Amino acid sequence: MYSPVQEASAARLVRVLLVEDDELMRRSFTVALERYGYEMEAAADGLAGLELFRENSFDLLILDVMLPGLDGIGLCRRVRETSLVPVLMTSARGDGLDVVAGLEAGADDYVVKPVETYVLVARIRSLLRRATYSPAPGPEQPTGGSRPDAGDVLEFGDLRIDTAGMEVSVSGSPVALTPTELKLLLEFAARPGVVLERHTLLRDVWEYGWDGDSRVVDLCVQRLRRKLGRDRIETVRGFGYKLRR
């Protein structure tokens, strides 16, 4: 496991915006993440957070769901109008309502508070890796497929994926994808026509173990369908999803 000093060396240029109305938690998160080398900015309400976001450049946002003025769901939607920056939602409720709403608004992941610092940092690392993801030659998959190499251009009907430029288009029109959506699409594109189980996608895209919440997969697939076409990714009931050839 990395020490705070090692993490600081790797992450000193990473700027994080934290929007959290609980003063104690806001200070706790800020101090903890600064120890890991992240450059932190914090706001206590959604409108202040939106202003900070518009006036500065950030590598990642951490948004609480329940915020005064403009809640985290609304803030995430406003962010997604202009930016694909990774968004991690936090919620004090574990009943699923906040989770679904946040992911539908365009968030990439979520954590339920209270959360241990090492869990929060692990989620941040995973999101940042997705944001800088570059395909590289990989081992053969059990199905006989392999991950696309950087520079490959993949085509599935009118869907075109340029893995060098990290650009996706449908019928010649560019499609803007978040880092998580793009990495999920690349997992499907590496094995077209092959059913990928939810736990496999949680492991390979979100870097979760077996206890990950499969709703993040389902809702990210829904977002991909809205952007690429509803029939592009097929549901295989009881198993998972596959990209149609």
C-alpha atoms as a PDB file:
ATOM      1  CA  MET A   1       0.000   0.000   0.000  1.00  0.00           C
ATOM      2  CA  TYR A   2       1.263   3.513  -0.799  1.00  0.00           C
ATOM      3  CA  SER A   3       2.242   5.775   2.042  1.00  0.00           C
ATOM      4  CA  PRO A   4       0.974   9.380   2.064  1.00  0.00           C
ATOM      5  CA  VAL A   5       4.439  10.540   1.007  1.00  0.00           C
ATOM      6  CA  GLN A   6       4.487   8.200  -2.005  1.00  0.00           C
ATOM      7  CA  GLU A   7       0.972   9.239  -2.970  1.00  0.00           C
ATOM      8  CA  ALA A   8       1.880  12.900  -2.673  1.00  0.00           C
ATOM      9  CA  SER A   9       4.721  12.430  -5.125  1.00  0.00           C
ATOM     10  CA  ALA A  10       2.378  10.781  -7.632  1.00  0.00           C
ATOM     11  CA  ALA A  11      -0.546  13.174  -7.171  1.00  0.00           C
ATOM     12  CA  ARG A  12       0.858  16.620  -6.320  1.00  0.00           C
ATOM     13  CA  LEU A  13      -0.636  18.186  -9.461  1.00  0.00           C
ATOM     14  CA  VAL A  14      -4.093  16.686  -9.031  1.00  0.00           C
ATOM     15  CA  ARG A  15      -6.661  19.334  -8.128  1.00  0.00           C
ATOM     16  CA  VAL A  16      -9.822  18.189  -6.357  1.00  0.00           C
ATOM     17  CA  LEU A  17     -12.980  20.191  -5.676  1.00  0.00           C
ATOM     18  CA  LEU A  18     -14.881  19.023  -2.595  1.00  0.00           C
ATOM     19  CA  VAL A  19     -18.433  20.282  -2.086  1.00  0.00           C
ATOM     20  CA  GLU A  20     -19.677  19.250   1.364  1.00  0.00           C
ATOM     21  CA  ASP A  21     -21.955  21.192   3.715  1.00  0.00           C
ATOM     22  CA  ASP A  22     -20.969  19.377   6.914  1.00  0.00           C
ATOM     23  CA  GLU A  23     -18.105  21.485   8.276  1.00  0.00           C
ATOM     24  CA  LEU A  24     -16.484  18.685  10.277  1.00  0.00           C
ATOM     25  CA  MET A  25     -16.590  16.264   7.350  1.00  0.00           C
ATOM     26  CA  ARG A  26     -15.411  18.939   4.913  1.00  0.00           C
ATOM     27  CA  ARG A  27     -12.373  19.670   7.064  1.00  0.00           C
ATOM     28  CA  SER A  28     -11.725  15.980   7.677  1.00  0.00           C
ATOM     29  CA  PHE A  29     -11.822  15.108   3.965  1.00  0.00           C
ATOM     30  CA  THR A  30      -9.684  18.113   3.060  1.00  0.00           C
ATOM     31  CA  VAL A  31      -6.953  17.392   5.613  1.00  0.00           C
ATOM     32  CA  ALA A  32      -6.912  13.666   4.831  1.00  0.00           C
ATOM     33  CA  LEU A  33      -6.661  14.138   1.070  1.00  0.00           C
ATOM     34  CA  GLU A  34      -4.035  16.863   1.383  1.00  0.00           C
ATOM     35  CA  ARG A  35      -1.937  14.348   3.307  1.00  0.00           C
ATOM     36  CA  TYR A  36      -2.087  12.166   0.202  1.00  0.00           C
ATOM     37  CA  GLY A  37      -0.801  15.033  -1.917  1.00  0.00           C
ATOM     38  CA  TYR A  38      -4.021  16.258  -3.505  1.00  0.00           C
ATOM     39  CA  GLU A  39      -4.499  19.991  -3.963  1.00  0.00           C
ATOM     40  CA  MET A  40      -7.874  20.712  -2.405  1.00  0.00           C
ATOM     41  CA  GLU A  41     -10.522  23.402  -2.864  1.00  0.00           C
ATOM     42  CA  ALA A  42     -13.704  23.177  -0.819  1.00  0.00           C
ATOM     43  CA  ALA A  43     -17.172  24.722  -0.826  1.00  0.00           C
ATOM     44  CA  ALA A  44     -20.017  24.446   1.671  1.00  0.00           C
ATOM     45  CA  ASP A  45     -22.965  24.639  -0.750  1.00  0.00           C
ATOM     46  CA  GLY A  46     -23.826  23.772  -4.324  1.00  0.00           C
ATOM     47  CA  LEU A  47     -23.895  27.304  -5.741  1.00  0.00           C
ATOM     48  CA  ALA A  48     -20.490  28.131  -4.267  1.00  0.00           C
ATOM     49  CA  GLY A  49     -19.192  24.841  -5.631  1.00  0.00           C
ATOM     50  CA  LEU A  50     -20.547  25.642  -9.101  1.00  0.00           C
ATOM     51  CA  GLU A  51     -18.850  29.048  -9.026  1.00  0.00           C
ATOM     52  CA  LEU A  52     -15.519  27.473  -8.027  1.00  0.00           C
ATOM     53  CA  PHE A  53     -15.880  24.877 -10.777  1.00  0.00           C
ATOM     54  CA  ARG A  54     -16.555  27.543 -13.412  1.00  0.00           C
ATOM     55  CA  GLU A  55     -13.655  29.747 -12.337  1.00  0.00           C
ATOM     56  CA  ASN A  56     -11.000  27.036 -11.931  1.00  0.00           C
ATOM     57  CA  SER A  57      -9.706  23.845 -13.488  1.00  0.00           C
ATOM     58  CA  PHE A  58     -10.114  20.612 -11.519  1.00  0.00           C
ATOM     59  CA  ASP A  59      -9.109  17.016 -12.161  1.00  0.00           C
ATOM     60  CA  LEU A  60     -11.880  15.508 -10.036  1.00  0.00           C
ATOM     61  CA  LEU A  61     -15.007  16.593  -8.150  1.00  0.00           C
ATOM     62  CA  ILE A  62     -16.356  15.121  -4.906  1.00  0.00           C
ATOM     63  CA  LEU A  63     -19.975  16.168  -4.447  1.00  0.00           C
ATOM     64  CA  ASP A  64     -22.250  15.490  -1.503  1.00  0.00           C
ATOM     65  CA  VAL A  65     -25.821  14.724  -2.525  1.00  0.00           C
ATOM     66  CA  MET A  66     -27.571  16.795   0.144  1.00  0.00           C
ATOM     67  CA  LEU A  67     -26.385  20.396  -0.266  1.00  0.00           C
ATOM     68  CA  PRO A  68     -28.065  23.738   0.455  1.00  0.00           C
ATOM     69  CA  GLY A  69     -28.876  26.063  -2.423  1.00  0.00           C
ATOM     70  CA  LEU A  70     -28.159  23.618  -5.216  1.00  0.00           C
ATOM     71  CA  ASP A  71     -28.026  19.952  -4.303  1.00  0.00           C
ATOM     72  CA  GLY A  72     -25.321  17.587  -5.490  1.00  0.00           C
ATOM     73  CA  ILE A  73     -27.553  16.019  -8.147  1.00  0.00           C
ATOM     74  CA  GLY A  74     -28.333  19.402  -9.681  1.00  0.00           C
ATOM     75  CA  LEU A  75     -24.693  20.439  -9.420  1.00  0.00           C
ATOM     76  CA  CYS A  76     -23.572  17.270 -11.202  1.00  0.00           C
ATOM     77  CA  ARG A  77     -26.042  17.949 -14.011  1.00  0.00           C
ATOM     78  CA  ARG A  78     -24.757  21.516 -14.384  1.00  0.00           C
ATOM     79  CA  VAL A  79     -21.176  20.247 -14.496  1.00  0.00           C
ATOM     80  CA  ARG A  80     -22.058  17.674 -17.164  1.00  0.00           C
ATOM     81  CA  GLU A  81     -23.448  20.426 -19.398  1.00  0.00           C
ATOM     82  CA  THR A  82     -19.892  21.572 -20.090  1.00  0.00           C
ATOM     83  CA  SER A  83     -17.417  19.054 -18.683  1.00  0.00           C
ATOM     84  CA  LEU A  84     -16.499  15.359 -18.591  1.00  0.00           C
ATOM     85  CA  VAL A  85     -14.408  15.743 -15.430  1.00  0.00           C
ATOM     86  CA  PRO A  86     -14.628  12.655 -13.159  1.00  0.00           C
ATOM     87  CA  VAL A  87     -17.316  13.037 -10.472  1.00  0.00           C
ATOM     88  CA  LEU A  88     -17.511  11.057  -7.227  1.00  0.00           C
ATOM     89  CA  MET A  89     -20.766  11.428  -5.293  1.00  0.00           C
ATOM     90  CA  THR A  90     -21.011  11.008  -1.528  1.00  0.00           C
ATOM     91  CA  SER A  91     -24.198  10.218   0.377  1.00  0.00           C
ATOM     92  CA  ALA A  92     -25.184   9.555   3.952  1.00  0.00           C
ATOM     93  CA  ARG A  93     -27.999   7.314   2.744  1.00  0.00           C
ATOM     94  CA  GLY A  94     -27.452   3.753   1.630  1.00  0.00           C
ATOM     95  CA  ASP A  95     -31.001   3.077   0.453  1.00  0.00           C
ATOM     96  CA  GLY A  96     -30.168   3.459  -3.215  1.00  0.00           C
ATOM     97  CA  LEU A  97     -32.203   6.580  -3.984  1.00  0.00           C
ATOM     98  CA  ASP A  98     -29.211   8.908  -3.859  1.00  0.00           C
ATOM     99  CA  VAL A  99     -27.037   6.365  -5.648  1.00  0.00           C
ATOM    100  CA  VAL A 100     -29.376   6.034  -8.614  1.00  0.00           C
ATOM    101  CA  ALA A 101     -30.051   9.767  -8.844  1.00  0.00           C
ATOM    102  CA  GLY A 102     -26.351  10.629  -8.737  1.00  0.00           C
ATOM    103  CA  LEU A 103     -25.329   8.091 -11.354  1.00  0.00           C
ATOM    104  CA  GLU A 104     -28.208   9.075 -13.626  1.00  0.00           C
ATOM    105  CA  ALA A 105     -27.074  12.700 -13.354  1.00  0.00           C
ATOM    106  CA  GLY A 106     -23.702  11.696 -14.778  1.00  0.00           C
ATOM    107  CA  ALA A 107     -21.563  10.814 -11.752  1.00  0.00           C
ATOM    108  CA  ASP A 108     -18.908   8.153 -12.294  1.00  0.00           C
ATOM    109  CA  ASP A 109     -18.983   6.539  -8.856  1.00  0.00           C
ATOM    110  CA  TYR A 110     -20.260   6.997  -5.320  1.00  0.00           C
ATOM    111  CA  VAL A 111     -19.404   6.274  -1.709  1.00  0.00           C
ATOM    112  CA  VAL A 112     -21.686   6.083   1.317  1.00  0.00           C
ATOM    113  CA  LYS A 113     -20.654   8.147   4.343  1.00  0.00           C
ATOM    114  CA  PRO A 114     -19.063   7.676   6.745  1.00  0.00           C
ATOM    115  CA  VAL A 115     -16.217   6.393   4.590  1.00  0.00           C
ATOM    116  CA  GLU A 116     -12.694   5.386   5.548  1.00  0.00           C
ATOM    117  CA  THR A 117      -9.958   7.530   4.043  1.00  0.00           C
ATOM    118  CA  TYR A 118      -8.285   4.563   2.334  1.00  0.00           C
ATOM    119  CA  VAL A 119     -11.576   3.701   0.588  1.00  0.00           C
ATOM    120  CA  LEU A 120     -12.054   7.291  -0.564  1.00  0.00           C
ATOM    121  CA  VAL A 121      -8.482   7.469  -1.861  1.00  0.00           C
ATOM    122  CA  ALA A 122      -8.877   4.126  -3.660  1.00  0.00           C
ATOM    123  CA  ARG A 123     -11.974   5.411  -5.455  1.00  0.00           C
ATOM    124  CA  ILE A 124     -10.186   8.632  -6.383  1.00  0.00           C
ATOM    125  CA  ARG A 125      -7.200   6.711  -7.776  1.00  0.00           C
ATOM    126  CA  SER A 126      -9.506   4.516  -9.830  1.00  0.00           C
ATOM    127  CA  LEU A 127     -11.351   7.518 -11.280  1.00  0.00           C
ATOM    128  CA  LEU A 128      -8.110   9.276 -12.160  1.00  0.00           C
ATOM    129  CA  ARG A 129      -6.754   6.148 -13.858  1.00  0.00           C
ATOM    130  CA  ARG A 130      -9.869   6.036 -16.009  1.00  0.00           C
ATOM    131  CA  ALA A 131      -9.442   9.706 -16.874  1.00  0.00           C
ATOM    132  CA  THR A 132      -5.915   9.019 -18.183  1.00  0.00           C
ATOM    133  CA  TYR A 133      -6.704   5.574 -19.620  1.00  0.00           C
ATOM    134  CA  SER A 134      -4.786   4.514 -22.713  1.00  0.00           C
ATOM    135  CA  PRO A 135      -5.295   1.067 -24.250  1.00  0.00           C
ATOM    136  CA  ALA A 136      -2.236  -1.122 -24.338  1.00  0.00           C
ATOM    137  CA  PRO A 137      -1.622  -4.621 -25.616  1.00  0.00           C
ATOM    138  CA  GLY A 138      -3.037  -7.086 -23.140  1.00  0.00           C
ATOM    139  CA  PRO A 139      -3.139 -10.827 -22.597  1.00  0.00           C
ATOM    140  CA  GLU A 140      -5.516 -12.975 -24.538  1.00  0.00           C
ATOM    141  CA  GLN A 141      -8.941 -13.179 -22.947  1.00  0.00           C
ATOM    142  CA  PRO A 142     -10.622 -16.501 -22.180  1.00  0.00           C
ATOM    143  CA  THR A 143     -12.943 -15.828 -25.108  1.00  0.00           C
ATOM    144  CA  GLY A 144     -10.045 -15.452 -27.522  1.00  0.00           C
ATOM    145  CA  GLY A 145     -10.290 -11.646 -27.778  1.00  0.00           C
ATOM    146  CA  SER A 146      -7.680  -9.110 -26.745  1.00  0.00           C
ATOM    147  CA  ARG A 147      -7.800  -5.546 -25.582  1.00  0.00           C
ATOM    148  CA  PRO A 148      -7.465  -2.998 -28.403  1.00  0.00           C
ATOM    149  CA  ASP A 149      -4.025  -1.495 -28.912  1.00  0.00           C
ATOM    150  CA  ALA A 150      -3.510   2.253 -28.755  1.00  0.00           C
ATOM    151  CA  GLY A 151      -3.975   3.515 -32.303  1.00  0.00           C
ATOM    152  CA  ASP A 152      -6.606   0.967 -33.296  1.00  0.00           C
ATOM    153  CA  VAL A 153      -9.734   2.229 -35.010  1.00  0.00           C
ATOM    154  CA  LEU A 154     -12.659  -0.005 -34.140  1.00  0.00           C
ATOM    155  CA  GLU A 155     -15.861   0.017 -36.161  1.00  0.00           C
ATOM    156  CA  PHE A 156     -19.189  -1.622 -35.384  1.00  0.00           C
ATOM    157  CA  GLY A 157     -21.680  -0.550 -38.011  1.00  0.00           C
ATOM    158  CA  ASP A 158     -21.890   3.237 -37.755  1.00  0.00           C
ATOM    159  CA  LEU A 159     -20.111   3.246 -34.394  1.00  0.00           C
ATOM    160  CA  ARG A 160     -16.432   4.253 -34.720  1.00  0.00           C
ATOM    161  CA  ILE A 161     -13.907   4.233 -31.859  1.00  0.00           C
ATOM    162  CA  ASP A 162     -10.510   5.860 -32.369  1.00  0.00           C
ATOM    163  CA  THR A 163      -8.416   4.520 -29.483  1.00  0.00           C
ATOM    164  CA  ALA A 164      -5.460   6.819 -30.246  1.00  0.00           C
ATOM    165  CA  GLY A 165      -7.480  10.029 -30.108  1.00  0.00           C
ATOM    166  CA  MET A 166      -9.954   8.588 -27.585  1.00  0.00           C
ATOM    167  CA  GLU A 167     -12.756   9.739 -29.870  1.00  0.00           C
ATOM    168  CA  VAL A 168     -16.097   8.090 -30.489  1.00  0.00           C
ATOM    169  CA  SER A 169     -18.553   8.865 -33.259  1.00  0.00           C
ATOM    170  CA  VAL A 170     -21.887   7.537 -34.482  1.00  0.00           C
ATOM    171  CA  SER A 171     -22.750   8.035 -38.165  1.00  0.00           C
ATOM    172  CA  GLY A 172     -19.877  10.520 -38.359  1.00  0.00           C
ATOM    173  CA  SER A 173     -21.106  12.669 -35.486  1.00  0.00           C
ATOM    174  CA  PRO A 174     -18.816  12.907 -32.430  1.00  0.00           C
ATOM    175  CA  VAL A 175     -20.124  11.558 -29.136  1.00  0.00           C
ATOM    176  CA  ALA A 176     -18.836  12.964 -25.836  1.00  0.00           C
ATOM    177  CA  LEU A 177     -18.253  10.247 -23.236  1.00  0.00           C
ATOM    178  CA  THR A 178     -17.047  10.535 -19.664  1.00  0.00           C
ATOM    179  CA  PRO A 179     -13.836   8.613 -18.863  1.00  0.00           C
ATOM    180  CA  THR A 180     -15.885   5.884 -17.195  1.00  0.00           C
ATOM    181  CA  GLU A 181     -18.276   5.587 -20.129  1.00  0.00           C
ATOM    182  CA  LEU A 182     -15.349   5.406 -22.546  1.00  0.00           C
ATOM    183  CA  LYS A 183     -13.529   2.724 -20.589  1.00  0.00           C
ATOM    184  CA  LEU A 184     -16.740   0.693 -20.311  1.00  0.00           C
ATOM    185  CA  LEU A 185     -17.274   0.978 -24.068  1.00  0.00           C
ATOM    186  CA  LEU A 186     -13.679  -0.136 -24.718  1.00  0.00           C
ATOM    187  CA  GLU A 187     -14.245  -3.214 -22.541  1.00  0.00           C
ATOM    188  CA  PHE A 188     -17.229  -4.138 -24.708  1.00  0.00           C
ATOM    189  CA  ALA A 189     -15.346  -3.305 -27.911  1.00  0.00           C
ATOM    190  CA  ALA A 190     -12.477  -5.609 -26.931  1.00  0.00           C
ATOM    191  CA  ARG A 191     -14.879  -8.555 -26.988  1.00  0.00           C
ATOM    192  CA  PRO A 192     -17.799  -7.762 -29.307  1.00  0.00           C
ATOM    193  CA  GLY A 193     -20.610 -10.284 -29.176  1.00  0.00           C
ATOM    194  CA  VAL A 194     -19.307 -11.752 -25.912  1.00  0.00           C
ATOM    195  CA  VAL A 195     -21.447 -11.476 -22.780  1.00  0.00           C
ATOM    196  CA  LEU A 196     -19.628  -9.623 -20.008  1.00  0.00           C
ATOM    197  CA  GLU A 197     -20.942 -10.216 -16.512  1.00  0.00           C
ATOM    198  CA  ARG A 198     -21.539  -7.308 -14.185  1.00  0.00           C
ATOM    199  CA  HIS A 199     -18.914  -8.426 -11.670  1.00  0.00           C
ATOM    200  CA  THR A 200     -16.353  -8.626 -14.487  1.00  0.00           C
ATOM    201  CA  LEU A 201     -17.127  -5.050 -15.519  1.00  0.00           C
ATOM    202  CA  LEU A 202     -17.011  -3.888 -11.894  1.00  0.00           C
ATOM    203  CA  ARG A 203     -13.543  -5.400 -11.608  1.00  0.00           C
ATOM    204  CA  ASP A 204     -12.143  -4.167 -14.915  1.00  0.00           C
ATOM    205  CA  VAL A 205     -13.735  -0.703 -15.149  1.00  0.00           C
ATOM    206  CA  TRP A 206     -14.510   0.382 -11.579  1.00  0.00           C
ATOM    207  CA  GLU A 207     -11.805  -1.783  -9.953  1.00  0.00           C
ATOM    208  CA  TYR A 208     -14.269  -3.155  -7.401  1.00  0.00           C
ATOM    209  CA  GLY A 209     -14.121  -6.555  -5.796  1.00  0.00           C
ATOM    210  CA  TRP A 210     -16.993  -8.989  -5.650  1.00  0.00           C
ATOM    211  CA  ASP A 211     -18.877  -6.766  -3.198  1.00  0.00           C
ATOM    212  CA  GLY A 212     -19.263  -3.895  -5.671  1.00  0.00           C
ATOM    213  CA  ASP A 213     -22.665  -2.401  -6.405  1.00  0.00           C
ATOM    214  CA  SER A 214     -23.816  -3.594  -9.840  1.00  0.00           C
ATOM    215  CA  ARG A 215     -26.123  -0.585 -10.167  1.00  0.00           C
ATOM    216  CA  VAL A 216     -23.150   1.493 -11.292  1.00  0.00           C
ATOM    217  CA  VAL A 217     -22.786  -0.845 -14.277  1.00  0.00           C
ATOM    218  CA  ASP A 218     -26.497  -0.832 -15.137  1.00  0.00           C
ATOM    219  CA  LEU A 219     -26.790   2.949 -14.987  1.00  0.00           C
ATOM    220  CA  CYS A 220     -23.583   3.546 -16.950  1.00  0.00           C
ATOM    221  CA  VAL A 221     -24.857   1.166 -19.641  1.00  0.00           C
ATOM    222  CA  GLN A 222     -28.094   3.172 -19.728  1.00  0.00           C
ATOM    223  CA  ARG A 223     -26.091   6.370 -20.297  1.00  0.00           C
ATOM    224  CA  LEU A 224     -24.117   4.716 -23.096  1.00  0.00           C
ATOM    225  CA  ARG A 225     -27.344   3.600 -24.747  1.00  0.00           C
ATOM    226  CA  ARG A 226     -28.713   7.142 -24.663  1.00  0.00           C
ATOM    227  CA  LYS A 227     -25.571   8.407 -26.389  1.00  0.00           C
ATOM    228  CA  LEU A 228     -24.846   5.555 -28.820  1.00  0.00           C
ATOM    229  CA  GLY A 229     -28.295   4.122 -29.539  1.00  0.00           C
ATOM    230  CA  ARG A 230     -30.519   1.916 -27.440  1.00  0.00           C
ATOM    231  CA  ASP A 231     -29.855  -1.253 -29.419  1.00  0.00           C
ATOM    232  CA  ARG A 232     -26.056  -0.963 -29.393  1.00  0.00           C
ATOM    233  CA  ILE A 233     -25.545  -2.801 -26.097  1.00  0.00           C
ATOM    234  CA  GLU A 234     -27.733  -5.842 -25.562  1.00  0.00           C
ATOM    235  CA  THR A 235     -28.913  -7.126 -22.193  1.00  0.00           C
ATOM    236  CA  VAL A 236     -28.570 -10.869 -21.685  1.00  0.00           C
ATOM    237  CA  ARG A 237     -30.890 -11.498 -18.769  1.00  0.00           C
ATOM    238  CA  GLY A 238     -29.335 -13.241 -15.820  1.00  0.00           C
ATOM    239  CA  PHE A 239     -25.823 -12.823 -17.195  1.00  0.00           C
ATOM    240  CA  GLY A 240     -24.808  -9.309 -18.260  1.00  0.00           C
ATOM    241  CA  TYR A 241     -24.319  -7.255 -21.403  1.00  0.00           C
ATOM    242  CA  LYS A 242     -22.713  -7.536 -24.814  1.00  0.00           C
ATOM    243  CA  LEU A 243     -21.859  -5.177 -27.638  1.00  0.00           C
ATOM    244  CA  ARG A 244     -23.585  -6.101 -30.875  1.00  0.00           C
ATOM    245  CA  ARG A 245     -21.161  -6.727 -33.711  1.00  0.00           C
END
